[in-house]
Amino acid sequence: MIVLLIAVYVACELIANVTASKPVAVWGMVVPAAVFIYALTFTLLDLVNEIMGKGGARKVIYASMGANVLLAVYVQFAVALPPADFYQGQDAFATVLGSTPRIVFASLAAYLISSLIDAEVFAWWKQQVGRFRWARVLLSNAISTLVDSAIFVSLAFWGTLPVLPLVQGQYAVKMAVTIVSLPLIYLARESWFNGRAEVVLAGAGGPAGRMPGGAP
């Protein structure tokens, strides 16, 4: 399960980067189309933290950061390549995928800082309080999504667009997605422990495996 969870997390990060260039209207607010799936990544990271611990979560963050950097670099390379004579979509391709260096830097900086904060806050609650899984997800996401929104909007749009309304809009949508995704922390954990139990039974020669010297 953990491999699938990490794969989904990294995929959501990459999808968010690709879809971030389209602004959409939600509840009277303008936010990037990526905000929904990107907000989900904070809960997915909490699941990784729950299973692998803070150290494992940090490794996944760095791996995802590497994937994001690779995506950003290769997209710029693809935009810069001369198009074939028959290709008519170069301008549209560059507009959709060719984010400005300022936007790319803002996105990567906001992701790295906010994700590391999320991992720290989640691990702190788990160690100091222990109980209420939903509360540590809610607290870690409440802090990290606010940091993410503030850093990204400030670095990307300071001096060109009103920063505060953009931060408020992104934060409201991200917290709404967080609340909806809270049950995942319980479903994934139960699935993880059930899988661990099957492995233990198999190793002990229980119903899930082969008895020593006998038939399955």
N, C-alpha and C. Protein backbone atom coordinates (compact mmCIF):
# COMPACT_ATOMS: atom_id res chain seq x y z
N MET A 1 0.81 -1.21 0.00
CA MET A 1 0.00 0.00 0.00
C MET A 1 0.85 1.26 0.00
N ILE A 2 1.97 1.24 0.73
CA ILE A 2 2.76 2.46 0.87
C ILE A 2 3.33 2.90 -0.47
N VAL A 3 3.70 1.95 -1.33
CA VAL A 3 4.22 2.32 -2.66
C VAL A 3 3.14 3.02 -3.46
N LEU A 4 1.92 2.48 -3.40
CA LEU A 4 0.79 3.10 -4.11
C LEU A 4 0.50 4.49 -3.55
N LEU A 5 0.55 4.62 -2.24
CA LEU A 5 0.28 5.91 -1.60
C LEU A 5 1.30 6.96 -2.05
N ILE A 6 2.58 6.60 -2.06
CA ILE A 6 3.61 7.54 -2.49
C ILE A 6 3.43 7.89 -3.96
N ALA A 7 3.10 6.88 -4.78
CA ALA A 7 2.89 7.13 -6.21
C ALA A 7 1.74 8.11 -6.43
N VAL A 8 0.64 7.93 -5.69
CA VAL A 8 -0.51 8.83 -5.83
C VAL A 8 -0.13 10.23 -5.38
N TYR A 9 0.64 10.32 -4.28
CA TYR A 9 1.07 11.63 -3.77
C TYR A 9 1.90 12.38 -4.81
N VAL A 10 2.90 11.72 -5.37
CA VAL A 10 3.76 12.38 -6.36
C VAL A 10 2.96 12.72 -7.61
N ALA A 11 2.06 11.81 -8.02
CA ALA A 11 1.24 12.08 -9.20
C ALA A 11 0.36 13.31 -8.98
N CYS A 12 -0.22 13.44 -7.80
CA CYS A 12 -1.06 14.60 -7.50
C CYS A 12 -0.24 15.89 -7.54
N GLU A 13 0.98 15.83 -7.06
CA GLU A 13 1.85 17.01 -7.10
C GLU A 13 2.11 17.43 -8.55
N LEU A 14 2.42 16.48 -9.41
CA LEU A 14 2.72 16.79 -10.80
C LEU A 14 1.47 17.28 -11.53
N ILE A 15 0.33 16.64 -11.26
CA ILE A 15 -0.93 17.08 -11.87
C ILE A 15 -1.25 18.51 -11.46
N ALA A 16 -1.01 18.82 -10.20
CA ALA A 16 -1.27 20.18 -9.72
C ALA A 16 -0.42 21.20 -10.46
N ASN A 17 0.84 20.88 -10.70
CA ASN A 17 1.71 21.80 -11.43
C ASN A 17 1.25 22.02 -12.86
N VAL A 18 0.76 20.96 -13.50
CA VAL A 18 0.32 21.06 -14.89
C VAL A 18 -0.99 21.86 -15.00
N THR A 19 -1.88 21.72 -14.03
CA THR A 19 -3.22 22.33 -14.12
C THR A 19 -3.31 23.68 -13.41
N ALA A 20 -2.21 24.15 -12.84
CA ALA A 20 -2.26 25.37 -12.04
C ALA A 20 -2.45 26.63 -12.86
N SER A 21 -2.20 26.56 -14.16
CA SER A 21 -2.23 27.79 -14.97
C SER A 21 -3.64 28.26 -15.30
N LYS A 22 -4.65 27.42 -15.04
CA LYS A 22 -6.03 27.83 -15.35
C LYS A 22 -6.72 28.36 -14.10
N PRO A 23 -7.11 29.63 -14.08
CA PRO A 23 -7.89 30.14 -12.95
C PRO A 23 -9.36 29.75 -13.09
N VAL A 24 -9.97 29.38 -11.98
CA VAL A 24 -11.38 29.00 -11.98
C VAL A 24 -12.11 29.77 -10.89
N ALA A 25 -13.42 29.92 -11.07
CA ALA A 25 -14.25 30.62 -10.09
C ALA A 25 -14.93 29.61 -9.19
N VAL A 26 -14.69 29.70 -7.88
CA VAL A 26 -15.27 28.79 -6.91
C VAL A 26 -15.84 29.61 -5.76
N TRP A 27 -17.14 29.49 -5.53
CA TRP A 27 -17.80 30.21 -4.43
C TRP A 27 -17.49 31.70 -4.47
N GLY A 28 -17.46 32.25 -5.66
CA GLY A 28 -17.20 33.67 -5.80
C GLY A 28 -15.74 34.05 -5.69
N MET A 29 -14.85 33.06 -5.58
CA MET A 29 -13.42 33.33 -5.47
C MET A 29 -12.71 32.76 -6.70
N VAL A 30 -11.61 33.39 -7.08
CA VAL A 30 -10.80 32.91 -8.19
C VAL A 30 -9.58 32.18 -7.64
N VAL A 31 -9.45 30.92 -8.01
CA VAL A 31 -8.34 30.08 -7.53
C VAL A 31 -7.81 29.27 -8.70
N PRO A 32 -6.57 28.75 -8.60
CA PRO A 32 -6.06 27.87 -9.67
C PRO A 32 -6.84 26.57 -9.71
N ALA A 33 -6.99 26.02 -10.89
CA ALA A 33 -7.70 24.74 -11.03
C ALA A 33 -7.01 23.64 -10.24
N ALA A 34 -5.73 23.81 -9.99
CA ALA A 34 -4.96 22.79 -9.27
C ALA A 34 -5.24 22.75 -7.78
N VAL A 35 -5.95 23.73 -7.24
CA VAL A 35 -6.04 23.87 -5.79
C VAL A 35 -6.70 22.66 -5.14
N PHE A 36 -7.62 22.00 -5.84
CA PHE A 36 -8.34 20.88 -5.23
C PHE A 36 -7.42 19.68 -5.03
N ILE A 37 -6.75 19.28 -6.09
CA ILE A 37 -5.88 18.11 -5.97
C ILE A 37 -4.62 18.43 -5.18
N TYR A 38 -4.17 19.69 -5.24
CA TYR A 38 -2.99 20.07 -4.46
C TYR A 38 -3.30 20.05 -2.97
N ALA A 39 -4.48 20.51 -2.59
CA ALA A 39 -4.86 20.48 -1.18
C ALA A 39 -4.90 19.05 -0.65
N LEU A 40 -5.30 18.12 -1.51
CA LEU A 40 -5.35 16.72 -1.11
C LEU A 40 -3.97 16.17 -0.78
N THR A 41 -2.92 16.72 -1.40
CA THR A 41 -1.58 16.20 -1.17
C THR A 41 -1.14 16.36 0.29
N PHE A 42 -1.65 17.36 0.99
CA PHE A 42 -1.26 17.54 2.38
C PHE A 42 -1.80 16.40 3.25
N THR A 43 -3.03 15.96 2.97
CA THR A 43 -3.57 14.81 3.70
C THR A 43 -2.84 13.53 3.31
N LEU A 44 -2.51 13.39 2.03
CA LEU A 44 -1.74 12.21 1.59
C LEU A 44 -0.38 12.18 2.27
N LEU A 45 0.24 13.34 2.41
CA LEU A 45 1.52 13.40 3.10
C LEU A 45 1.37 13.01 4.57
N ASP A 46 0.27 13.38 5.18
CA ASP A 46 0.02 12.97 6.56
C ASP A 46 -0.12 11.45 6.66
N LEU A 47 -0.71 10.84 5.65
CA LEU A 47 -0.81 9.37 5.64
C LEU A 47 0.57 8.74 5.56
N VAL A 48 1.42 9.30 4.71
CA VAL A 48 2.80 8.81 4.62
C VAL A 48 3.49 8.97 5.97
N ASN A 49 3.29 10.10 6.61
CA ASN A 49 3.88 10.37 7.91
C ASN A 49 3.36 9.39 8.96
N GLU A 50 2.09 9.09 8.90
CA GLU A 50 1.47 8.15 9.84
C GLU A 50 2.10 6.76 9.73
N ILE A 51 2.41 6.36 8.50
CA ILE A 51 2.91 5.00 8.27
C ILE A 51 4.44 4.92 8.37
N MET A 52 5.13 5.90 7.78
CA MET A 52 6.59 5.83 7.67
C MET A 52 7.33 6.72 8.68
N GLY A 53 6.59 7.57 9.40
CA GLY A 53 7.23 8.47 10.33
C GLY A 53 7.72 9.74 9.65
N LYS A 54 8.21 10.68 10.46
CA LYS A 54 8.64 11.97 9.93
C LYS A 54 9.81 11.82 8.96
N GLY A 55 10.75 10.94 9.28
CA GLY A 55 11.89 10.75 8.39
C GLY A 55 11.47 10.25 7.03
N GLY A 56 10.55 9.30 7.01
CA GLY A 56 10.05 8.78 5.74
C GLY A 56 9.29 9.84 4.96
N ALA A 57 8.50 10.65 5.67
CA ALA A 57 7.76 11.72 5.01
C ALA A 57 8.69 12.74 4.38
N ARG A 58 9.79 13.07 5.07
CA ARG A 58 10.74 14.03 4.52
C ARG A 58 11.40 13.48 3.26
N LYS A 59 11.71 12.20 3.23
CA LYS A 59 12.30 11.60 2.04
C LYS A 59 11.33 11.68 0.86
N VAL A 60 10.05 11.44 1.14
CA VAL A 60 9.04 11.52 0.07
C VAL A 60 8.92 12.96 -0.42
N ILE A 61 8.98 13.91 0.49
CA ILE A 61 8.92 15.33 0.10
C ILE A 61 10.08 15.67 -0.83
N TYR A 62 11.29 15.26 -0.48
CA TYR A 62 12.45 15.57 -1.30
C TYR A 62 12.35 14.87 -2.66
N ALA A 63 11.85 13.64 -2.67
CA ALA A 63 11.70 12.92 -3.93
C ALA A 63 10.68 13.62 -4.83
N SER A 64 9.58 14.06 -4.23
CA SER A 64 8.56 14.77 -5.00
C SER A 64 9.08 16.12 -5.49
N MET A 65 9.89 16.76 -4.66
CA MET A 65 10.51 18.02 -5.07
C MET A 65 11.38 17.79 -6.31
N GLY A 66 12.14 16.71 -6.30
CA GLY A 66 12.96 16.38 -7.46
C GLY A 66 12.13 16.15 -8.70
N ALA A 67 10.99 15.46 -8.54
CA ALA A 67 10.11 15.21 -9.67
C ALA A 67 9.53 16.52 -10.21
N ASN A 68 9.18 17.43 -9.30
CA ASN A 68 8.64 18.73 -9.72
C ASN A 68 9.69 19.56 -10.46
N VAL A 69 10.92 19.54 -9.97
CA VAL A 69 11.99 20.27 -10.65
C VAL A 69 12.24 19.69 -12.04
N LEU A 70 12.25 18.36 -12.12
CA LEU A 70 12.45 17.71 -13.42
C LEU A 70 11.34 18.09 -14.38
N LEU A 71 10.10 18.10 -13.90
CA LEU A 71 8.96 18.49 -14.74
C LEU A 71 9.13 19.92 -15.23
N ALA A 72 9.47 20.83 -14.31
CA ALA A 72 9.60 22.24 -14.69
C ALA A 72 10.70 22.44 -15.72
N VAL A 73 11.84 21.78 -15.52
CA VAL A 73 12.96 21.93 -16.45
C VAL A 73 12.62 21.35 -17.81
N TYR A 74 12.01 20.15 -17.82
CA TYR A 74 11.74 19.52 -19.11
C TYR A 74 10.64 20.24 -19.88
N VAL A 75 9.67 20.79 -19.16
CA VAL A 75 8.62 21.56 -19.83
C VAL A 75 9.23 22.77 -20.53
N GLN A 76 10.14 23.47 -19.85
CA GLN A 76 10.80 24.62 -20.47
C GLN A 76 11.62 24.19 -21.68
N PHE A 77 12.24 23.03 -21.57
CA PHE A 77 13.00 22.48 -22.70
C PHE A 77 12.08 22.18 -23.88
N ALA A 78 10.91 21.57 -23.58
CA ALA A 78 9.95 21.23 -24.63
C ALA A 78 9.39 22.48 -25.30
N VAL A 79 9.14 23.51 -24.51
CA VAL A 79 8.64 24.77 -25.07
C VAL A 79 9.69 25.41 -25.98
N ALA A 80 10.95 25.32 -25.59
CA ALA A 80 12.02 25.96 -26.36
C ALA A 80 12.35 25.23 -27.66
N LEU A 81 12.03 23.93 -27.75
CA LEU A 81 12.33 23.18 -28.97
C LEU A 81 11.54 23.75 -30.15
N PRO A 82 12.15 23.82 -31.32
CA PRO A 82 11.41 24.32 -32.49
C PRO A 82 10.31 23.34 -32.90
N PRO A 83 9.10 23.84 -33.11
CA PRO A 83 8.00 22.93 -33.48
C PRO A 83 8.13 22.43 -34.92
N ALA A 84 7.49 21.32 -35.19
CA ALA A 84 7.43 20.82 -36.56
C ALA A 84 6.65 21.80 -37.44
N ASP A 85 6.91 21.78 -38.73
CA ASP A 85 6.27 22.73 -39.64
C ASP A 85 4.75 22.64 -39.61
N PHE A 86 4.22 21.42 -39.43
CA PHE A 86 2.77 21.25 -39.48
C PHE A 86 2.09 21.51 -38.13
N TYR A 87 2.87 21.70 -37.08
CA TYR A 87 2.28 21.87 -35.74
C TYR A 87 1.80 23.30 -35.55
N GLN A 88 0.53 23.46 -35.22
CA GLN A 88 -0.09 24.78 -35.10
C GLN A 88 -0.32 25.20 -33.65
N GLY A 89 0.08 24.39 -32.70
CA GLY A 89 -0.27 24.68 -31.31
C GLY A 89 0.86 25.18 -30.44
N GLN A 90 1.94 25.71 -31.04
CA GLN A 90 3.10 26.12 -30.26
C GLN A 90 2.76 27.22 -29.25
N ASP A 91 2.02 28.22 -29.68
CA ASP A 91 1.68 29.33 -28.78
C ASP A 91 0.81 28.85 -27.63
N ALA A 92 -0.17 28.01 -27.94
CA ALA A 92 -1.04 27.47 -26.89
C ALA A 92 -0.25 26.58 -25.94
N PHE A 93 0.63 25.77 -26.49
CA PHE A 93 1.47 24.89 -25.67
C PHE A 93 2.33 25.71 -24.71
N ALA A 94 2.94 26.77 -25.22
CA ALA A 94 3.79 27.61 -24.39
C ALA A 94 2.97 28.36 -23.35
N THR A 95 1.77 28.78 -23.71
CA THR A 95 0.92 29.52 -22.77
C THR A 95 0.48 28.65 -21.62
N VAL A 96 0.08 27.41 -21.92
CA VAL A 96 -0.45 26.51 -20.89
C VAL A 96 0.65 25.95 -20.00
N LEU A 97 1.75 25.53 -20.58
CA LEU A 97 2.79 24.83 -19.83
C LEU A 97 4.01 25.69 -19.49
N GLY A 98 4.23 26.75 -20.25
CA GLY A 98 5.45 27.52 -20.06
C GLY A 98 5.31 28.59 -19.01
N SER A 99 5.18 28.21 -17.75
CA SER A 99 5.07 29.18 -16.67
C SER A 99 6.33 30.03 -16.58
N THR A 100 6.15 31.26 -16.13
CA THR A 100 7.30 32.15 -15.98
C THR A 100 8.20 31.63 -14.86
N PRO A 101 9.50 31.94 -14.91
CA PRO A 101 10.42 31.51 -13.84
C PRO A 101 9.95 31.95 -12.45
N ARG A 102 9.32 33.11 -12.36
CA ARG A 102 8.83 33.59 -11.06
C ARG A 102 7.76 32.66 -10.50
N ILE A 103 6.83 32.22 -11.35
CA ILE A 103 5.77 31.31 -10.91
C ILE A 103 6.36 29.96 -10.51
N VAL A 104 7.28 29.46 -11.31
CA VAL A 104 7.91 28.17 -11.01
C VAL A 104 8.64 28.22 -9.68
N PHE A 105 9.43 29.27 -9.47
CA PHE A 105 10.16 29.40 -8.22
C PHE A 105 9.20 29.51 -7.03
N ALA A 106 8.14 30.30 -7.18
CA ALA A 106 7.17 30.47 -6.10
C ALA A 106 6.51 29.15 -5.75
N SER A 107 6.17 28.38 -6.77
CA SER A 107 5.50 27.10 -6.55
C SER A 107 6.42 26.12 -5.82
N LEU A 108 7.67 26.00 -6.28
CA LEU A 108 8.60 25.05 -5.67
C LEU A 108 8.95 25.46 -4.24
N ALA A 109 9.18 26.75 -4.02
CA ALA A 109 9.52 27.22 -2.68
C ALA A 109 8.37 26.99 -1.71
N ALA A 110 7.15 27.32 -2.15
CA ALA A 110 5.98 27.15 -1.29
C ALA A 110 5.76 25.67 -0.97
N TYR A 111 5.93 24.82 -1.98
CA TYR A 111 5.75 23.39 -1.75
C TYR A 111 6.74 22.85 -0.73
N LEU A 112 8.02 23.14 -0.92
CA LEU A 112 9.04 22.55 -0.05
C LEU A 112 8.87 23.03 1.39
N ILE A 113 8.71 24.32 1.59
CA ILE A 113 8.61 24.86 2.95
C ILE A 113 7.35 24.37 3.65
N SER A 114 6.21 24.46 2.97
CA SER A 114 4.94 24.08 3.60
C SER A 114 4.87 22.59 3.88
N SER A 115 5.42 21.77 2.99
CA SER A 115 5.37 20.31 3.19
C SER A 115 6.24 19.89 4.37
N LEU A 116 7.41 20.50 4.50
CA LEU A 116 8.27 20.18 5.64
C LEU A 116 7.62 20.63 6.95
N ILE A 117 6.94 21.77 6.94
CA ILE A 117 6.21 22.22 8.13
C ILE A 117 5.09 21.25 8.46
N ASP A 118 4.37 20.80 7.45
CA ASP A 118 3.30 19.84 7.65
C ASP A 118 3.82 18.57 8.33
N ALA A 119 4.95 18.06 7.84
CA ALA A 119 5.53 16.85 8.42
C ALA A 119 5.94 17.06 9.87
N GLU A 120 6.49 18.23 10.17
CA GLU A 120 6.92 18.53 11.54
C GLU A 120 5.73 18.63 12.49
N VAL A 121 4.71 19.36 12.09
CA VAL A 121 3.54 19.56 12.97
C VAL A 121 2.81 18.25 13.19
N PHE A 122 2.64 17.46 12.14
CA PHE A 122 1.95 16.18 12.26
C PHE A 122 2.71 15.26 13.22
N ALA A 123 4.04 15.17 13.04
CA ALA A 123 4.86 14.31 13.90
C ALA A 123 4.86 14.80 15.34
N TRP A 124 4.86 16.12 15.54
CA TRP A 124 4.83 16.68 16.90
C TRP A 124 3.55 16.28 17.61
N TRP A 125 2.43 16.43 16.94
CA TRP A 125 1.15 16.07 17.58
C TRP A 125 1.13 14.57 17.89
N LYS A 126 1.58 13.77 16.94
CA LYS A 126 1.57 12.31 17.13
C LYS A 126 2.41 11.92 18.32
N GLN A 127 3.54 12.59 18.53
CA GLN A 127 4.45 12.25 19.63
C GLN A 127 3.97 12.82 20.96
N GLN A 128 3.50 14.06 20.95
CA GLN A 128 3.15 14.74 22.19
C GLN A 128 1.74 14.44 22.67
N VAL A 129 0.81 14.30 21.74
CA VAL A 129 -0.59 14.08 22.11
C VAL A 129 -1.01 12.63 21.85
N GLY A 130 -0.70 12.16 20.66
CA GLY A 130 -0.98 10.76 20.33
C GLY A 130 -2.38 10.52 19.81
N ARG A 131 -3.37 10.97 20.55
CA ARG A 131 -4.76 10.66 20.19
C ARG A 131 -5.28 11.61 19.11
N PHE A 132 -6.50 11.29 18.65
CA PHE A 132 -7.23 12.16 17.71
C PHE A 132 -6.48 12.34 16.39
N ARG A 133 -6.46 11.29 15.61
CA ARG A 133 -5.79 11.36 14.32
C ARG A 133 -6.34 12.50 13.46
N TRP A 134 -7.66 12.67 13.49
CA TRP A 134 -8.29 13.71 12.68
C TRP A 134 -7.76 15.09 13.08
N ALA A 135 -7.48 15.27 14.37
CA ALA A 135 -7.04 16.58 14.85
C ALA A 135 -5.63 16.89 14.37
N ARG A 136 -4.73 15.89 14.34
CA ARG A 136 -3.38 16.18 13.88
C ARG A 136 -3.34 16.44 12.39
N VAL A 137 -4.24 15.80 11.63
CA VAL A 137 -4.34 16.11 10.20
C VAL A 137 -4.87 17.53 10.02
N LEU A 138 -5.91 17.87 10.78
CA LEU A 138 -6.52 19.19 10.65
C LEU A 138 -5.54 20.29 11.05
N LEU A 139 -4.82 20.09 12.15
CA LEU A 139 -3.88 21.11 12.61
C LEU A 139 -2.70 21.27 11.65
N SER A 140 -2.11 20.16 11.25
CA SER A 140 -0.95 20.24 10.36
C SER A 140 -1.33 20.87 9.02
N ASN A 141 -2.50 20.50 8.51
CA ASN A 141 -2.94 21.07 7.23
C ASN A 141 -3.33 22.53 7.37
N ALA A 142 -3.94 22.89 8.50
CA ALA A 142 -4.34 24.28 8.70
C ALA A 142 -3.13 25.20 8.68
N ILE A 143 -2.04 24.75 9.29
CA ILE A 143 -0.82 25.57 9.33
C ILE A 143 -0.10 25.53 7.98
N SER A 144 0.09 24.33 7.44
CA SER A 144 0.91 24.20 6.23
C SER A 144 0.23 24.78 4.99
N THR A 145 -1.09 24.65 4.86
CA THR A 145 -1.77 25.22 3.70
C THR A 145 -1.78 26.75 3.76
N LEU A 146 -1.84 27.30 4.98
CA LEU A 146 -1.76 28.75 5.11
C LEU A 146 -0.37 29.24 4.70
N VAL A 147 0.66 28.55 5.17
CA VAL A 147 2.03 28.90 4.79
C VAL A 147 2.22 28.77 3.28
N ASP A 148 1.71 27.68 2.72
CA ASP A 148 1.83 27.45 1.28
C ASP A 148 1.17 28.57 0.49
N SER A 149 -0.06 28.91 0.86
CA SER A 149 -0.79 29.95 0.13
C SER A 149 -0.09 31.30 0.25
N ALA A 150 0.36 31.63 1.46
CA ALA A 150 1.00 32.93 1.68
C ALA A 150 2.31 33.04 0.90
N ILE A 151 3.12 31.98 0.93
CA ILE A 151 4.41 32.04 0.23
C ILE A 151 4.21 32.08 -1.28
N PHE A 152 3.36 31.20 -1.79
CA PHE A 152 3.18 31.15 -3.24
C PHE A 152 2.61 32.45 -3.79
N VAL A 153 1.53 32.92 -3.21
CA VAL A 153 0.88 34.13 -3.72
C VAL A 153 1.81 35.33 -3.60
N SER A 154 2.51 35.43 -2.48
CA SER A 154 3.40 36.58 -2.27
C SER A 154 4.55 36.58 -3.28
N LEU A 155 5.20 35.43 -3.45
CA LEU A 155 6.33 35.35 -4.37
C LEU A 155 5.89 35.48 -5.83
N ALA A 156 4.71 34.95 -6.14
CA ALA A 156 4.28 34.92 -7.53
C ALA A 156 3.61 36.22 -7.99
N PHE A 157 2.87 36.88 -7.09
CA PHE A 157 2.01 37.97 -7.55
C PHE A 157 2.20 39.29 -6.82
N TRP A 158 3.15 39.35 -5.88
CA TRP A 158 3.36 40.61 -5.16
C TRP A 158 3.71 41.73 -6.15
N GLY A 159 2.96 42.82 -6.07
CA GLY A 159 3.21 43.95 -6.95
C GLY A 159 2.42 43.92 -8.24
N THR A 160 1.76 42.80 -8.53
CA THR A 160 0.97 42.70 -9.76
C THR A 160 -0.51 42.44 -9.50
N LEU A 161 -0.82 41.71 -8.42
CA LEU A 161 -2.21 41.38 -8.07
C LEU A 161 -2.40 41.57 -6.57
N PRO A 162 -3.65 41.79 -6.13
CA PRO A 162 -3.91 41.90 -4.69
C PRO A 162 -3.63 40.57 -3.99
N VAL A 163 -2.70 40.57 -3.06
CA VAL A 163 -2.23 39.33 -2.46
C VAL A 163 -3.21 38.75 -1.45
N LEU A 164 -3.73 39.56 -0.55
CA LEU A 164 -4.57 39.05 0.53
C LEU A 164 -5.81 38.31 0.04
N PRO A 165 -6.59 38.85 -0.91
CA PRO A 165 -7.75 38.09 -1.38
C PRO A 165 -7.38 36.75 -2.01
N LEU A 166 -6.24 36.71 -2.71
CA LEU A 166 -5.81 35.45 -3.32
C LEU A 166 -5.44 34.42 -2.25
N VAL A 167 -4.74 34.86 -1.21
CA VAL A 167 -4.38 33.96 -0.11
C VAL A 167 -5.64 33.45 0.59
N GLN A 168 -6.58 34.33 0.86
CA GLN A 168 -7.81 33.93 1.55
C GLN A 168 -8.59 32.92 0.72
N GLY A 169 -8.70 33.16 -0.58
CA GLY A 169 -9.43 32.24 -1.44
C GLY A 169 -8.80 30.86 -1.49
N GLN A 170 -7.49 30.82 -1.72
CA GLN A 170 -6.80 29.53 -1.78
C GLN A 170 -6.89 28.79 -0.46
N TYR A 171 -6.72 29.52 0.63
CA TYR A 171 -6.74 28.88 1.95
C TYR A 171 -8.12 28.29 2.26
N ALA A 172 -9.16 29.01 1.92
CA ALA A 172 -10.52 28.53 2.19
C ALA A 172 -10.81 27.23 1.43
N VAL A 173 -10.42 27.18 0.17
CA VAL A 173 -10.67 25.98 -0.63
C VAL A 173 -9.81 24.81 -0.13
N LYS A 174 -8.55 25.08 0.19
CA LYS A 174 -7.67 24.02 0.68
C LYS A 174 -8.18 23.42 1.98
N MET A 175 -8.68 24.24 2.88
CA MET A 175 -9.21 23.72 4.14
C MET A 175 -10.50 22.95 3.93
N ALA A 176 -11.31 23.37 2.97
CA ALA A 176 -12.52 22.61 2.65
C ALA A 176 -12.17 21.22 2.15
N VAL A 177 -11.17 21.13 1.28
CA VAL A 177 -10.72 19.83 0.78
C VAL A 177 -10.14 19.01 1.92
N THR A 178 -9.40 19.64 2.82
CA THR A 178 -8.84 18.93 3.97
C THR A 178 -9.93 18.29 4.81
N ILE A 179 -10.98 19.02 5.10
CA ILE A 179 -12.07 18.50 5.93
C ILE A 179 -12.74 17.31 5.25
N VAL A 180 -12.97 17.43 3.95
CA VAL A 180 -13.60 16.34 3.21
C VAL A 180 -12.71 15.10 3.19
N SER A 181 -11.39 15.30 3.17
CA SER A 181 -10.46 14.17 3.04
C SER A 181 -10.05 13.56 4.37
N LEU A 182 -10.56 14.08 5.49
CA LEU A 182 -10.16 13.57 6.81
C LEU A 182 -10.36 12.06 6.97
N PRO A 183 -11.47 11.47 6.47
CA PRO A 183 -11.65 10.02 6.66
C PRO A 183 -10.54 9.17 6.08
N LEU A 184 -9.77 9.71 5.14
CA LEU A 184 -8.69 8.93 4.53
C LEU A 184 -7.66 8.48 5.56
N ILE A 185 -7.43 9.29 6.59
CA ILE A 185 -6.42 8.95 7.59
C ILE A 185 -6.79 7.68 8.34
N TYR A 186 -8.10 7.40 8.45
CA TYR A 186 -8.55 6.19 9.12
C TYR A 186 -8.60 5.01 8.16
N LEU A 187 -9.12 5.23 6.95
CA LEU A 187 -9.25 4.13 5.99
C LEU A 187 -7.89 3.58 5.60
N ALA A 188 -6.94 4.47 5.32
CA ALA A 188 -5.62 4.03 4.90
C ALA A 188 -4.89 3.32 6.03
N ARG A 189 -5.03 3.82 7.25
CA ARG A 189 -4.33 3.20 8.38
C ARG A 189 -4.87 1.80 8.64
N GLU A 190 -6.19 1.62 8.58
CA GLU A 190 -6.76 0.29 8.77
C GLU A 190 -6.28 -0.66 7.68
N SER A 191 -6.25 -0.20 6.44
CA SER A 191 -5.78 -1.03 5.35
C SER A 191 -4.33 -1.41 5.54
N TRP A 192 -3.51 -0.45 6.02
CA TRP A 192 -2.09 -0.72 6.25
C TRP A 192 -1.91 -1.79 7.31
N PHE A 193 -2.60 -1.67 8.44
CA PHE A 193 -2.43 -2.64 9.50
C PHE A 193 -3.00 -4.01 9.13
N ASN A 194 -4.07 -4.03 8.35
CA ASN A 194 -4.59 -5.31 7.89
C ASN A 194 -3.56 -6.00 7.00
N GLY A 195 -2.90 -5.20 6.15
CA GLY A 195 -1.85 -5.78 5.30
C GLY A 195 -0.69 -6.29 6.12
N ARG A 196 -0.29 -5.54 7.16
CA ARG A 196 0.80 -5.98 8.03
C ARG A 196 0.43 -7.28 8.72
N ALA A 197 -0.83 -7.39 9.15
CA ALA A 197 -1.28 -8.61 9.83
C ALA A 197 -1.22 -9.82 8.92
N GLU A 198 -1.58 -9.61 7.64
CA GLU A 198 -1.53 -10.72 6.69
C GLU A 198 -0.09 -11.18 6.48
N VAL A 199 0.84 -10.24 6.43
CA VAL A 199 2.24 -10.59 6.26
C VAL A 199 2.75 -11.39 7.46
N VAL A 200 2.38 -10.95 8.66
CA VAL A 200 2.80 -11.65 9.87
C VAL A 200 2.24 -13.05 9.91
N LEU A 201 0.96 -13.18 9.57
CA LEU A 201 0.33 -14.51 9.55
C LEU A 201 1.01 -15.41 8.53
N ALA A 202 1.34 -14.84 7.37
CA ALA A 202 1.99 -15.64 6.34
C ALA A 202 3.35 -16.12 6.82
N GLY A 203 4.08 -15.23 7.50
CA GLY A 203 5.40 -15.61 8.00
C GLY A 203 5.33 -16.64 9.11
N ALA A 204 4.22 -16.63 9.86
CA ALA A 204 4.06 -17.56 10.97
C ALA A 204 3.41 -18.86 10.54
N GLY A 205 3.05 -18.95 9.26
CA GLY A 205 2.40 -20.17 8.79
C GLY A 205 0.94 -20.21 9.13
N GLY A 206 0.31 -19.05 9.25
CA GLY A 206 -1.11 -18.98 9.58
C GLY A 206 -1.97 -19.14 8.35
N PRO A 207 -3.25 -18.76 8.44
CA PRO A 207 -4.19 -18.95 7.34
C PRO A 207 -3.77 -18.24 6.07
N ALA A 208 -2.99 -17.15 6.19
CA ALA A 208 -2.63 -16.39 4.99
C ALA A 208 -1.43 -16.97 4.29
N GLY A 209 -0.79 -17.98 4.84
CA GLY A 209 0.44 -18.50 4.21
C GLY A 209 0.49 -19.99 4.24
N ARG A 210 1.70 -20.54 4.09
CA ARG A 210 1.92 -21.97 4.05
C ARG A 210 2.44 -22.46 5.40
N MET A 211 1.85 -23.49 5.92
CA MET A 211 2.33 -24.06 7.16
C MET A 211 3.70 -24.69 6.93
N PRO A 212 4.60 -24.58 7.90
CA PRO A 212 5.92 -25.19 7.73
C PRO A 212 5.83 -26.67 7.40
N GLY A 213 6.37 -27.06 6.27
CA GLY A 213 6.39 -28.46 5.88
C GLY A 213 5.06 -29.00 5.43
N GLY A 214 4.07 -28.12 5.27
CA GLY A 214 2.76 -28.63 4.90
C GLY A 214 2.19 -27.93 3.69
N ALA A 215 0.90 -28.11 3.48
CA ALA A 215 0.20 -27.52 2.35
C ALA A 215 -0.27 -26.14 2.72
N PRO A 216 -0.66 -25.30 1.74
CA PRO A 216 -1.15 -23.97 2.03
C PRO A 216 -2.43 -24.03 2.85
